[in-house]
Structures are given as structure tokens and as C-alpha cells.
PDB file of N, CA and C in Angstrom:
ATOM      1  N   MET A   1     109.891  83.014 114.480  1.00  0.00           N
ATOM      2  CA  MET A   1     110.566  83.709 113.464  1.00  0.00           C
ATOM      3  C   MET A   1     111.049  85.019 113.961  1.00  0.00           C
ATOM      4  N   SER A   2     112.284  85.427 113.794  1.00  0.00           N
ATOM      5  CA  SER A   2     112.768  86.596 114.304  1.00  0.00           C
ATOM      6  C   SER A   2     112.777  87.775 113.355  1.00  0.00           C
ATOM      7  N   ASP A   3     112.714  88.901 113.790  1.00  0.00           N
ATOM      8  CA  ASP A   3     112.726  90.096 112.905  1.00  0.00           C
ATOM      9  C   ASP A   3     114.117  90.322 112.348  1.00  0.00           C
ATOM     10  N   ILE A   4     114.191  90.784 111.098  1.00  0.00           N
ATOM     11  CA  ILE A   4     115.468  91.065 110.430  1.00  0.00           C
ATOM     12  C   ILE A   4     115.717  92.415 110.661  1.00  0.00           C
ATOM     13  N   GLN A   5     116.837  92.829 111.188  1.00  0.00           N
ATOM     14  CA  GLN A   5     117.214  94.187 111.353  1.00  0.00           C
ATOM     15  C   GLN A   5     117.696  94.719 110.010  1.00  0.00           C
ATOM     16  N   PHE A   6     117.083  95.835 109.556  1.00  0.00           N
ATOM     17  CA  PHE A   6     117.295  96.439 108.310  1.00  0.00           C
ATOM     18  C   PHE A   6     117.164  97.878 108.310  1.00  0.00           C
ATOM     19  N   GLN A   7     118.358  98.482 107.833  1.00  0.00           N
ATOM     20  CA  GLN A   7     118.427  99.822 107.884  1.00  0.00           C
ATOM     21  C   GLN A   7     118.226 100.394 106.445  1.00  0.00           C
ATOM     22  N   PRO A   8     117.088 100.917 106.045  1.00  0.00           N
ATOM     23  CA  PRO A   8     116.826 101.260 104.596  1.00  0.00           C
ATOM     24  C   PRO A   8     117.874 102.325 104.125  1.00  0.00           C
ATOM     25  N   PRO A   9     118.072 102.401 102.914  1.00  0.00           N
ATOM     26  CA  PRO A   9     118.858 103.494 102.312  1.00  0.00           C
ATOM     27  C   PRO A   9     118.160 104.542 102.205  1.00  0.00           C
ATOM     28  N   ASN A  10     118.606 105.681 101.652  1.00  0.00           N
ATOM     29  CA  ASN A  10     117.810 106.931 101.534  1.00  0.00           C
ATOM     30  C   ASN A  10     116.841 106.651 100.396  1.00  0.00           C
ATOM     31  N   LEU A  11     115.497 106.609 100.934  1.00  0.00           N
ATOM     32  CA  LEU A  11     114.425 106.131 100.104  1.00  0.00           C
ATOM     33  C   LEU A  11     114.042 107.073  98.912  1.00  0.00           C
ATOM     34  N   GLY A  12     114.350 108.403  99.045  1.00  0.00           N
ATOM     35  CA  GLY A  12     114.160 109.231  98.078  1.00  0.00           C
ATOM     36  C   GLY A  12     114.751 108.959  96.647  1.00  0.00           C
ATOM     37  N   ASP A  13     115.788 108.112  96.712  1.00  0.00           N
ATOM     38  CA  ASP A  13     116.461 107.690  95.453  1.00  0.00           C
ATOM     39  C   ASP A  13     115.947 106.455  95.020  1.00  0.00           C
ATOM     40  N   VAL A  14     115.013 105.707  95.610  1.00  0.00           N
ATOM     41  CA  VAL A  14     114.537 104.524  95.118  1.00  0.00           C
ATOM     42  C   VAL A  14     113.301 104.726  94.336  1.00  0.00           C
ATOM     43  N   ILE A  15     113.278 104.137  93.134  1.00  0.00           N
ATOM     44  CA  ILE A  15     112.008 104.299  92.327  1.00  0.00           C
ATOM     45  C   ILE A  15     111.617 102.860  91.884  1.00  0.00           C
ATOM     46  N   ALA A  16     110.363 102.711  91.555  1.00  0.00           N
ATOM     47  CA  ALA A  16     109.954 101.452  91.056  1.00  0.00           C
ATOM     48  C   ALA A  16     108.738 101.782  90.013  1.00  0.00           C
ATOM     49  N   TYR A  17     108.409 100.698  89.296  1.00  0.00           N
ATOM     50  CA  TYR A  17     107.474 100.914  88.205  1.00  0.00           C
ATOM     51  C   TYR A  17     106.295  99.910  88.419  1.00  0.00           C
ATOM     52  N   ARG A  18     105.093 100.266  88.311  1.00  0.00           N
ATOM     53  CA  ARG A  18     103.849  99.430  88.547  1.00  0.00           C
ATOM     54  C   ARG A  18     102.747  99.887  87.654  1.00  0.00           C
ATOM     55  N   GLY A  19     101.903  99.022  87.354  1.00  0.00           N
ATOM     56  CA  GLY A  19     100.772  99.391  86.438  1.00  0.00           C
ATOM     57  C   GLY A  19      99.692 100.253  87.221  1.00  0.00           C
ATOM     58  N   VAL A  20      99.035 101.204  86.421  1.00  0.00           N
ATOM     59  CA  VAL A  20      97.916 101.941  86.850  1.00  0.00           C
ATOM     60  C   VAL A  20      96.997 101.779  85.643  1.00  0.00           C
ATOM     61  N   TYR A  21      95.757 101.932  85.876  1.00  0.00           N
ATOM     62  CA  TYR A  21      94.761 102.005  84.814  1.00  0.00           C
ATOM     63  C   TYR A  21      94.310 103.468  84.681  1.00  0.00           C
ATOM     64  N   VAL A  22      94.230 103.820  83.291  1.00  0.00           N
ATOM     65  CA  VAL A  22      93.657 105.173  83.031  1.00  0.00           C
ATOM     66  C   VAL A  22      92.293 104.782  82.462  1.00  0.00           C
ATOM     67  N   LEU A  23      91.323 105.613  82.989  1.00  0.00           N
ATOM     68  CA  LEU A  23      89.873 105.304  82.539  1.00  0.00           C
ATOM     69  C   LEU A  23      89.470 106.596  81.761  1.00  0.00           C
ATOM     70  N   GLY A  24      88.777 106.552  80.761  1.00  0.00           N
ATOM     71  CA  GLY A  24      88.467 107.708  80.000  1.00  0.00           C
ATOM     72  C   GLY A  24      87.427 107.368  78.900  1.00  0.00           C
ATOM     73  N   THR A  25      87.321 108.397  77.978  1.00  0.00           N
ATOM     74  CA  THR A  25      86.497 108.368  76.829  1.00  0.00           C
ATOM     75  C   THR A  25      87.351 108.515  75.525  1.00  0.00           C
ATOM     76  N   THR A  26      86.783 108.077  74.486  1.00  0.00           N
ATOM     77  CA  THR A  26      87.524 108.199  73.279  1.00  0.00           C
ATOM     78  C   THR A  26      86.850 109.306  72.438  1.00  0.00           C
ATOM     79  N   LYS A  27      87.619 110.096  71.816  1.00  0.00           N
ATOM     80  CA  LYS A  27      87.101 111.219  71.014  1.00  0.00           C
ATOM     81  C   LYS A  27      87.940 111.162  69.633  1.00  0.00           C
ATOM     82  N   LEU A  28      87.315 111.556  68.662  1.00  0.00           N
ATOM     83  CA  LEU A  28      87.914 111.491  67.282  1.00  0.00           C
ATOM     84  C   LEU A  28      88.751 112.678  67.258  1.00  0.00           C
ATOM     85  N   ASN A  29      90.006 112.569  66.862  1.00  0.00           N
ATOM     86  CA  ASN A  29      90.914 113.564  66.613  1.00  0.00           C
ATOM     87  C   ASN A  29      90.648 114.043  65.118  1.00  0.00           C
ATOM     88  N   PRO A  30      90.119 115.203  64.876  1.00  0.00           N
ATOM     89  CA  PRO A  30      89.824 115.543  63.340  1.00  0.00           C
ATOM     90  C   PRO A  30      91.031 115.674  62.539  1.00  0.00           C
ATOM     91  N   GLU A  31      92.137 115.983  63.100  1.00  0.00           N
ATOM     92  CA  GLU A  31      93.384 116.205  62.329  1.00  0.00           C
ATOM     93  C   GLU A  31      93.929 114.806  61.906  1.00  0.00           C
ATOM     94  N   THR A  32      93.832 113.767  62.664  1.00  0.00           N
ATOM     95  CA  THR A  32      94.495 112.476  62.314  1.00  0.00           C
ATOM     96  C   THR A  32      93.409 111.467  61.822  1.00  0.00           C
ATOM     97  N   GLY A  33      92.191 111.777  62.209  1.00  0.00           N
ATOM     98  CA  GLY A  33      91.087 110.823  61.923  1.00  0.00           C
ATOM     99  C   GLY A  33      91.070 109.647  62.809  1.00  0.00           C
ATOM    100  N   LYS A  34      91.937 109.612  63.817  1.00  0.00           N
ATOM    101  CA  LYS A  34      92.047 108.379  64.807  1.00  0.00           C
ATOM    102  C   LYS A  34      91.404 108.828  66.168  1.00  0.00           C
ATOM    103  N   ASN A  35      90.958 107.835  66.939  1.00  0.00           N
ATOM    104  CA  ASN A  35      90.431 108.152  68.149  1.00  0.00           C
ATOM    105  C   ASN A  35      91.555 108.425  69.225  1.00  0.00           C
ATOM    106  N   LYS A  36      91.103 109.365  70.012  1.00  0.00           N
ATOM    107  CA  LYS A  36      92.115 109.745  71.073  1.00  0.00           C
ATOM    108  C   LYS A  36      91.584 109.500  72.397  1.00  0.00           C
ATOM    109  N   LEU A  37      92.237 108.864  73.523  1.00  0.00           N
ATOM    110  CA  LEU A  37      91.726 108.659  74.810  1.00  0.00           C
ATOM    111  C   LEU A  37      91.823 109.818  75.594  1.00  0.00           C
ATOM    112  N   VAL A  38      90.721 110.372  76.140  1.00  0.00           N
ATOM    113  CA  VAL A  38      90.830 111.407  77.094  1.00  0.00           C
ATOM    114  C   VAL A  38      90.459 111.033  78.560  1.00  0.00           C
ATOM    115  N   ALA A  39      91.483 111.014  79.312  1.00  0.00           N
ATOM    116  CA  ALA A  39      91.433 110.360  80.725  1.00  0.00           C
ATOM    117  C   ALA A  39      90.446 111.230  81.540  1.00  0.00           C
ATOM    118  N   SER A  40      89.608 110.540  82.280  1.00  0.00           N
ATOM    119  CA  SER A  40      88.967 111.143  83.339  1.00  0.00           C
ATOM    120  C   SER A  40      89.150 110.737  84.693  1.00  0.00           C
ATOM    121  N   HIS A  41      89.681 109.459  84.853  1.00  0.00           N
ATOM    122  CA  HIS A  41      90.047 108.853  86.129  1.00  0.00           C
ATOM    123  C   HIS A  41      91.202 107.905  86.026  1.00  0.00           C
ATOM    124  N   TYR A  42      91.791 107.576  87.070  1.00  0.00           N
ATOM    125  CA  TYR A  42      92.720 106.464  87.043  1.00  0.00           C
ATOM    126  C   TYR A  42      92.567 105.703  88.379  1.00  0.00           C
ATOM    127  N   CYS A  43      92.957 104.443  88.313  1.00  0.00           N
ATOM    128  CA  CYS A  43      92.925 103.534  89.539  1.00  0.00           C
ATOM    129  C   CYS A  43      94.025 102.624  89.587  1.00  0.00           C
ATOM    130  N   SER A  44      94.255 102.195  90.887  1.00  0.00           N
ATOM    131  CA  SER A  44      95.347 101.253  90.995  1.00  0.00           C
ATOM    132  C   SER A  44      95.082 100.351  92.167  1.00  0.00           C
ATOM    133  N   CYS A  45      95.573  99.106  92.289  1.00  0.00           N
ATOM    134  CA  CYS A  45      95.538  98.170  93.301  1.00  0.00           C
ATOM    135  C   CYS A  45      96.510  98.581  94.412  1.00  0.00           C
ATOM    136  N   LEU A  46      96.046  98.910  95.626  1.00  0.00           N
ATOM    137  CA  LEU A  46      96.900  99.352  96.579  1.00  0.00           C
ATOM    138  C   LEU A  46      97.301  98.349  97.573  1.00  0.00           C
ATOM    139  N   VAL A  47      96.421  97.201  97.756  1.00  0.00           N
ATOM    140  CA  VAL A  47      96.740  96.067  98.687  1.00  0.00           C
ATOM    141  C   VAL A  47      96.353  94.924  97.778  1.00  0.00           C
ATOM    142  N   PHE A  48      97.299  93.921  97.606  1.00  0.00           N
ATOM    143  CA  PHE A  48      97.078  92.736  96.690  1.00  0.00           C
ATOM    144  C   PHE A  48      96.560  91.589  97.710  1.00  0.00           C
ATOM    145  N   GLY A  49      96.245  90.467  97.217  1.00  0.00           N
ATOM    146  CA  GLY A  49      95.841  89.327  97.991  1.00  0.00           C
ATOM    147  C   GLY A  49      94.397  88.847  97.905  1.00  0.00           C
ATOM    148  N   LYS A  50      93.912  88.110  98.787  1.00  0.00           N
ATOM    149  CA  LYS A  50      92.710  87.529  98.722  1.00  0.00           C
ATOM    150  C   LYS A  50      91.573  88.620  98.788  1.00  0.00           C
ATOM    151  N   THR A  51      91.866  89.715  99.548  1.00  0.00           N
ATOM    152  CA  THR A  51      90.907  90.758  99.674  1.00  0.00           C
ATOM    153  C   THR A  51      91.595  92.073  99.262  1.00  0.00           C
ATOM    154  N   PRO A  52      91.703  92.229  97.898  1.00  0.00           N
ATOM    155  CA  PRO A  52      92.462  93.270  97.328  1.00  0.00           C
ATOM    156  C   PRO A  52      91.722  94.772  97.705  1.00  0.00           C
ATOM    157  N   LEU A  53      92.495  95.768  97.732  1.00  0.00           N
ATOM    158  CA  LEU A  53      91.919  97.044  97.791  1.00  0.00           C
ATOM    159  C   LEU A  53      92.418  98.050  96.575  1.00  0.00           C
ATOM    160  N   TRP A  54      91.361  98.441  95.847  1.00  0.00           N
ATOM    161  CA  TRP A  54      91.681  99.394  94.714  1.00  0.00           C
ATOM    162  C   TRP A  54      91.233 100.795  95.141  1.00  0.00           C
ATOM    163  N   ALA A  55      91.739 101.765  94.603  1.00  0.00           N
ATOM    164  CA  ALA A  55      91.419 103.135  94.700  1.00  0.00           C
ATOM    165  C   ALA A  55      91.269 103.744  93.386  1.00  0.00           C
ATOM    166  N   VAL A  56      90.399 104.780  93.459  1.00  0.00           N
ATOM    167  CA  VAL A  56      90.103 105.571  92.143  1.00  0.00           C
ATOM    168  C   VAL A  56      90.313 106.982  92.469  1.00  0.00           C
ATOM    169  N   TRP A  57      90.904 107.728  91.507  1.00  0.00           N
ATOM    170  CA  TRP A  57      91.186 109.106  91.615  1.00  0.00           C
ATOM    171  C   TRP A  57      90.626 109.827  90.246  1.00  0.00           C
ATOM    172  N   THR A  58      90.420 111.082  90.360  1.00  0.00           N
ATOM    173  CA  THR A  58      90.013 111.879  89.251  1.00  0.00           C
ATOM    174  C   THR A  58      91.338 111.941  88.339  1.00  0.00           C
ATOM    175  N   ALA A  59      91.204 112.457  87.077  1.00  0.00           N
ATOM    176  CA  ALA A  59      92.437 112.685  86.336  1.00  0.00           C
ATOM    177  C   ALA A  59      93.308 113.742  86.962  1.00  0.00           C
ATOM    178  N   ALA A  60      92.693 114.639  87.679  1.00  0.00           N
ATOM    179  CA  ALA A  60      93.365 115.814  88.267  1.00  0.00           C
ATOM    180  C   ALA A  60      94.023 115.327  89.589  1.00  0.00           C
ATOM    181  N   GLY A  61      93.838 114.152  90.129  1.00  0.00           N
ATOM    182  CA  GLY A  61      94.555 113.748  91.232  1.00  0.00           C
ATOM    183  C   GLY A  61      93.617 113.647  92.476  1.00  0.00           C
ATOM    184  N   LYS A  62      92.286 113.963  92.376  1.00  0.00           N
ATOM    185  CA  LYS A  62      91.509 113.949  93.687  1.00  0.00           C
ATOM    186  C   LYS A  62      91.086 112.591  93.948  1.00  0.00           C
ATOM    187  N   PHE A  63      91.408 112.066  95.109  1.00  0.00           N
ATOM    188  CA  PHE A  63      90.867 110.717  95.610  1.00  0.00           C
ATOM    189  C   PHE A  63      89.397 110.805  95.714  1.00  0.00           C
ATOM    190  N   LEU A  64      88.873 109.682  95.081  1.00  0.00           N
ATOM    191  CA  LEU A  64      87.290 109.477  95.104  1.00  0.00           C
ATOM    192  C   LEU A  64      86.881 108.566  96.130  1.00  0.00           C
ATOM    193  N   ARG A  65      87.386 107.226  95.931  1.00  0.00           N
ATOM    194  CA  ARG A  65      86.939 106.146  96.931  1.00  0.00           C
ATOM    195  C   ARG A  65      87.757 104.871  96.761  1.00  0.00           C
ATOM    196  N   PHE A  66      87.494 103.881  97.615  1.00  0.00           N
ATOM    197  CA  PHE A  66      88.042 102.717  97.525  1.00  0.00           C
ATOM    198  C   PHE A  66      87.048 101.709  96.944  1.00  0.00           C
ATOM    199  N   TYR A  67      87.547 100.642  96.385  1.00  0.00           N
ATOM    200  CA  TYR A  67      86.896  99.451  95.898  1.00  0.00           C
ATOM    201  C   TYR A  67      87.481  98.183  96.291  1.00  0.00           C
ATOM    202  N   GLY A  68      86.677  97.272  96.531  1.00  0.00           N
ATOM    203  CA  GLY A  68      87.248  95.809  96.769  1.00  0.00           C
ATOM    204  C   GLY A  68      87.833  95.088  95.723  1.00  0.00           C
ATOM    205  N   PHE A  69      87.293  95.310  94.485  1.00  0.00           N
ATOM    206  CA  PHE A  69      87.699  94.503  93.338  1.00  0.00           C
ATOM    207  C   PHE A  69      87.770  95.424  92.092  1.00  0.00           C
ATOM    208  N   LYS A  70      88.626  95.140  91.159  1.00  0.00           N
ATOM    209  CA  LYS A  70      88.693  95.816  89.747  1.00  0.00           C
ATOM    210  C   LYS A  70      87.275  95.838  89.078  1.00  0.00           C
ATOM    211  N   SER A  71      86.675  94.646  89.302  1.00  0.00           N
ATOM    212  CA  SER A  71      85.350  94.520  88.649  1.00  0.00           C
ATOM    213  C   SER A  71      84.314  95.495  89.215  1.00  0.00           C
ATOM    214  N   ASP A  72      84.451  95.841  90.503  1.00  0.00           N
ATOM    215  CA  ASP A  72      83.574  96.752  91.170  1.00  0.00           C
ATOM    216  C   ASP A  72      83.744  98.147  90.499  1.00  0.00           C
ATOM    217  N   ILE A  73      84.979  98.550  90.138  1.00  0.00           N
ATOM    218  CA  ILE A  73      85.084  99.878  89.398  1.00  0.00           C
ATOM    219  C   ILE A  73      84.524  99.777  88.034  1.00  0.00           C
ATOM    220  N   ALA A  74      84.666  98.683  87.327  1.00  0.00           N
ATOM    221  CA  ALA A  74      83.958  98.486  85.997  1.00  0.00           C
ATOM    222  C   ALA A  74      82.588  98.573  86.022  1.00  0.00           C
ATOM    223  N   VAL A  75      81.935  98.226  87.197  1.00  0.00           N
ATOM    224  CA  VAL A  75      80.553  98.355  87.230  1.00  0.00           C
ATOM    225  C   VAL A  75      80.116  99.838  87.597  1.00  0.00           C
ATOM    226  N   ALA A  76      80.887 100.425  88.292  1.00  0.00           N
ATOM    227  CA  ALA A  76      80.698 101.858  88.621  1.00  0.00           C
ATOM    228  C   ALA A  76      80.970 102.827  87.437  1.00  0.00           C
ATOM    229  N   TYR A  77      81.895 102.348  86.616  1.00  0.00           N
ATOM    230  CA  TYR A  77      82.146 103.193  85.472  1.00  0.00           C
ATOM    231  C   TYR A  77      81.977 102.389  84.104  1.00  0.00           C
ATOM    232  N   PRO A  78      80.834 101.986  83.918  1.00  0.00           N
ATOM    233  CA  PRO A  78      80.586 101.195  82.697  1.00  0.00           C
ATOM    234  C   PRO A  78      80.902 101.731  81.272  1.00  0.00           C
ATOM    235  N   LYS A  79      80.971 103.027  81.189  1.00  0.00           N
ATOM    236  CA  LYS A  79      81.067 103.594  79.791  1.00  0.00           C
ATOM    237  C   LYS A  79      82.511 104.022  79.583  1.00  0.00           C
ATOM    238  N   LEU A  80      83.392 103.895  80.510  1.00  0.00           N
ATOM    239  CA  LEU A  80      84.742 104.374  80.284  1.00  0.00           C
ATOM    240  C   LEU A  80      85.689 103.197  79.789  1.00  0.00           C
ATOM    241  N   VAL A  81      86.624 103.655  78.942  1.00  0.00           N
ATOM    242  CA  VAL A  81      87.473 102.725  78.339  1.00  0.00           C
ATOM    243  C   VAL A  81      88.655 102.638  79.316  1.00  0.00           C
ATOM    244  N   TRP A  82      89.311 101.439  79.380  1.00  0.00           N
ATOM    245  CA  TRP A  82      90.451 101.196  80.319  1.00  0.00           C
ATOM    246  C   TRP A  82      91.677 101.002  79.520  1.00  0.00           C
ATOM    247  N   ARG A  83      92.723 101.670  79.961  1.00  0.00           N
ATOM    248  CA  ARG A  83      94.126 101.409  79.332  1.00  0.00           C
ATOM    249  C   ARG A  83      95.049 101.246  80.480  1.00  0.00           C
ATOM    250  N   ARG A  84      95.948 100.258  80.319  1.00  0.00           N
ATOM    251  CA  ARG A  84      96.931 100.041  81.406  1.00  0.00           C
ATOM    252  C   ARG A  84      98.188 100.948  80.935  1.00  0.00           C
ATOM    253  N   ARG A  85      98.693 101.656  81.979  1.00  0.00           N
ATOM    254  CA  ARG A  85     100.062 102.406  81.826  1.00  0.00           C
ATOM    255  C   ARG A  85     100.953 102.073  82.905  1.00  0.00           C
ATOM    256  N   MET A  86     102.133 102.323  82.674  1.00  0.00           N
ATOM    257  CA  MET A  86     103.267 102.142  83.709  1.00  0.00           C
ATOM    258  C   MET A  86     103.386 103.462  84.360  1.00  0.00           C
ATOM    259  N   ALA A  87     103.426 103.464  85.781  1.00  0.00           N
ATOM    260  CA  ALA A  87     103.757 104.609  86.561  1.00  0.00           C
ATOM    261  C   ALA A  87     104.951 104.530  87.363  1.00  0.00           C
ATOM    262  N   GLU A  88     105.627 105.628  87.478  1.00  0.00           N
ATOM    263  CA  GLU A  88     106.860 105.636  88.400  1.00  0.00           C
ATOM    264  C   GLU A  88     106.421 105.943  89.867  1.00  0.00           C
ATOM    265  N   TRP A  89     106.885 105.033  90.709  1.00  0.00           N
ATOM    266  CA  TRP A  89     106.606 105.176  92.153  1.00  0.00           C
ATOM    267  C   TRP A  89     108.019 105.472  92.930  1.00  0.00           C
ATOM    268  N   SER A  90     107.856 106.284  93.943  1.00  0.00           N
ATOM    269  CA  SER A  90     109.025 106.341  94.776  1.00  0.00           C
ATOM    270  C   SER A  90     108.628 105.868  96.240  1.00  0.00           C
ATOM    271  N   LEU A  91     109.519 105.559  96.964  1.00  0.00           N
ATOM    272  CA  LEU A  91     109.376 104.994  98.252  1.00  0.00           C
ATOM    273  C   LEU A  91     109.468 106.006  99.458  1.00  0.00           C
ATOM    274  N   LEU A  92     108.618 105.895 100.432  1.00  0.00           N
ATOM    275  CA  LEU A  92     108.577 106.721 101.580  1.00  0.00           C
ATOM    276  C   LEU A  92     109.186 106.112 102.764  1.00  0.00           C
ATOM    277  N   ALA A  93     108.905 104.857 102.954  1.00  0.00           N
ATOM    278  CA  ALA A  93     109.187 104.189 104.096  1.00  0.00           C
ATOM    279  C   ALA A  93     109.244 102.603 103.866  1.00  0.00           C
ATOM    280  N   VAL A  94     109.901 101.915 104.727  1.00  0.00           N
ATOM    281  CA  VAL A  94     109.850 100.479 104.809  1.00  0.00           C
ATOM    282  C   VAL A  94     109.066 100.123 105.911  1.00  0.00           C
ATOM    283  N   ASN A  95     107.754  99.677 105.743  1.00  0.00           N
ATOM    284  CA  ASN A  95     106.988  99.318 106.920  1.00  0.00           C
ATOM    285  C   ASN A  95     106.429  97.886 106.486  1.00  0.00           C
ATOM    286  N   ASP A  96     106.767  96.889 107.333  1.00  0.00           N
ATOM    287  CA  ASP A  96     106.356  95.522 106.973  1.00  0.00           C
ATOM    288  C   ASP A  96     105.015  95.311 107.613  1.00  0.00           C
ATOM    289  N   LEU A  97     103.902  95.757 107.078  1.00  0.00           N
ATOM    290  CA  LEU A  97     102.690  95.733 107.649  1.00  0.00           C
ATOM    291  C   LEU A  97     101.830  94.647 106.971  1.00  0.00           C
ATOM    292  N   LYS A  98     101.069  93.881 107.734  1.00  0.00           N
ATOM    293  CA  LYS A  98     100.275  92.914 107.168  1.00  0.00           C
ATOM    294  C   LYS A  98      99.081  93.604 106.405  1.00  0.00           C
ATOM    295  N   PRO A  99      98.310  92.777 105.504  1.00  0.00           N
ATOM    296  CA  PRO A  99      97.407  93.518 104.763  1.00  0.00           C
ATOM    297  C   PRO A  99      96.369  94.225 105.434  1.00  0.00           C
ATOM    298  N   ARG A 100      95.768  93.767 106.556  1.00  0.00           N
ATOM    299  CA  ARG A 100      94.875  94.458 107.318  1.00  0.00           C
ATOM    300  C   ARG A 100      95.287  95.754 107.817  1.00  0.00           C
ATOM    301  N   ALA A 101      96.555  95.740 108.293  1.00  0.00           N
ATOM    302  CA  ALA A 101      97.179  97.005 108.816  1.00  0.00           C
ATOM    303  C   ALA A 101      97.427  97.964 107.713  1.00  0.00           C
ATOM    304  N   ARG A 102      97.685  97.538 106.508  1.00  0.00           N
ATOM    305  CA  ARG A 102      97.919  98.499 105.318  1.00  0.00           C
ATOM    306  C   ARG A 102      96.698  99.058 104.951  1.00  0.00           C
ATOM    307  N   ARG A 103      95.453  98.271 105.041  1.00  0.00           N
ATOM    308  CA  ARG A 103      94.054  98.804 104.711  1.00  0.00           C
ATOM    309  C   ARG A 103      93.896  99.960 105.772  1.00  0.00           C
ATOM    310  N   MET A 104      94.195  99.730 107.058  1.00  0.00           N
ATOM    311  CA  MET A 104      93.931 100.687 108.045  1.00  0.00           C
ATOM    312  C   MET A 104      94.652 102.038 107.795  1.00  0.00           C
ATOM    313  N   VAL A 105      96.039 101.856 107.426  1.00  0.00           N
ATOM    314  CA  VAL A 105      96.806 102.994 107.092  1.00  0.00           C
ATOM    315  C   VAL A 105      96.233 103.745 105.919  1.00  0.00           C
ATOM    316  N   LEU A 106      95.771 103.202 104.958  1.00  0.00           N
ATOM    317  CA  LEU A 106      95.125 103.816 103.774  1.00  0.00           C
ATOM    318  C   LEU A 106      93.791 104.505 104.132  1.00  0.00           C
ATOM    319  N   GLN A 107      93.026 103.696 104.971  1.00  0.00           N
ATOM    320  CA  GLN A 107      91.746 104.377 105.344  1.00  0.00           C
ATOM    321  C   GLN A 107      91.977 105.636 106.116  1.00  0.00           C
ATOM    322  N   ASP A 108      92.923 105.711 106.990  1.00  0.00           N
ATOM    323  CA  ASP A 108      93.327 106.944 107.669  1.00  0.00           C
ATOM    324  C   ASP A 108      93.736 108.026 106.884  1.00  0.00           C
ATOM    325  N   ARG A 109      94.739 107.632 105.898  1.00  0.00           N
ATOM    326  CA  ARG A 109      95.368 108.585 104.918  1.00  0.00           C
ATOM    327  C   ARG A 109      94.334 109.220 103.978  1.00  0.00           C
ATOM    328  N   PHE A 110      93.442 108.504 103.497  1.00  0.00           N
ATOM    329  CA  PHE A 110      92.425 109.100 102.621  1.00  0.00           C
ATOM    330  C   PHE A 110      91.160 109.441 103.218  1.00  0.00           C
ATOM    331  N   LYS A 111      91.009 109.171 104.472  1.00  0.00           N
ATOM    332  CA  LYS A 111      89.806 109.561 105.229  1.00  0.00           C
ATOM    333  C   LYS A 111      88.599 108.886 104.436  1.00  0.00           C
ATOM    334  N   SER A 112      88.647 107.707 104.208  1.00  0.00           N
ATOM    335  CA  SER A 112      87.476 107.033 103.485  1.00  0.00           C
ATOM    336  C   SER A 112      87.417 105.597 103.973  1.00  0.00           C
ATOM    337  N   LYS A 113      86.245 105.055 104.279  1.00  0.00           N
ATOM    338  CA  LYS A 113      86.069 103.723 104.742  1.00  0.00           C
ATOM    339  C   LYS A 113      86.475 102.679 103.542  1.00  0.00           C
ATOM    340  N   VAL A 114      87.260 101.683 103.886  1.00  0.00           N
ATOM    341  CA  VAL A 114      87.618 100.587 103.091  1.00  0.00           C
ATOM    342  C   VAL A 114      86.588  99.644 103.008  1.00  0.00           C
ATOM    343  N   PRO A 115      86.293  99.028 101.855  1.00  0.00           N
ATOM    344  CA  PRO A 115      85.320  97.907 101.803  1.00  0.00           C
ATOM    345  C   PRO A 115      85.614  96.847 102.576  1.00  0.00           C
ATOM    346  N   SER A 116      84.691  96.052 103.141  1.00  0.00           N
ATOM    347  CA  SER A 116      84.896  94.863 104.144  1.00  0.00           C
ATOM    348  C   SER A 116      85.082  93.590 103.144  1.00  0.00           C
TER     349      SER A 116
END
């Protein structure tokens, strides 16, 4: 199989949407009488496939750690409520990396060991 020669466009103009999960607690809003979600963390799957790689950040944006599965995050944060939201993503580069190489790039970027 030969490589396809591809010259990407100005990637700063390309945006995409994908799901992220907001984790938090609910608090009663005394003005409305309804529960309000107060975010404490968020997470997203960074590498999909047979061996996914998930990451968790604080609501302030500080990276905490990687997880192998979404269920591992649920075990680590059993009292938090999950809500799926859509996030806008922008592209930095077109790198056709295999999943293992993507995991290594993320490990270097976040200075944290990825689960095996």
C-alpha cells in the first residue's frame, strides 16, 4: 500500500465537534428549586479501539491522569454525576499515527504513563 500525498489546508480554520463528559455534583438551586450540576472534572476518549485511552482533567483544565476504560473512571469517581456535552475541537496537524504511536505521543505530551 502506498502513502497518499496530502497537503493539509490551514488547520487553524478547521473545527470539529466531539463528545466530552462533564463529571460533577448536583446542588439544589434555591431560586429555582431545581438541581444544578457543578462540574469538578471532565474526561474524554483520546484513542479509540480495542485498547482505548481516556484522560481526566479538573474543571479548571489541569490534566490528572490516563485511564484505560471509561468504567475505570467511574470506579475512581463513584459519587460524581456524568453528563455528556459536545466540545469544539480544532486541528493542529495531520499525523497518520497508529494507535500505539498516538499513545506514546500523549504520554510524552502529558508526562504521564499510559495504562497498558
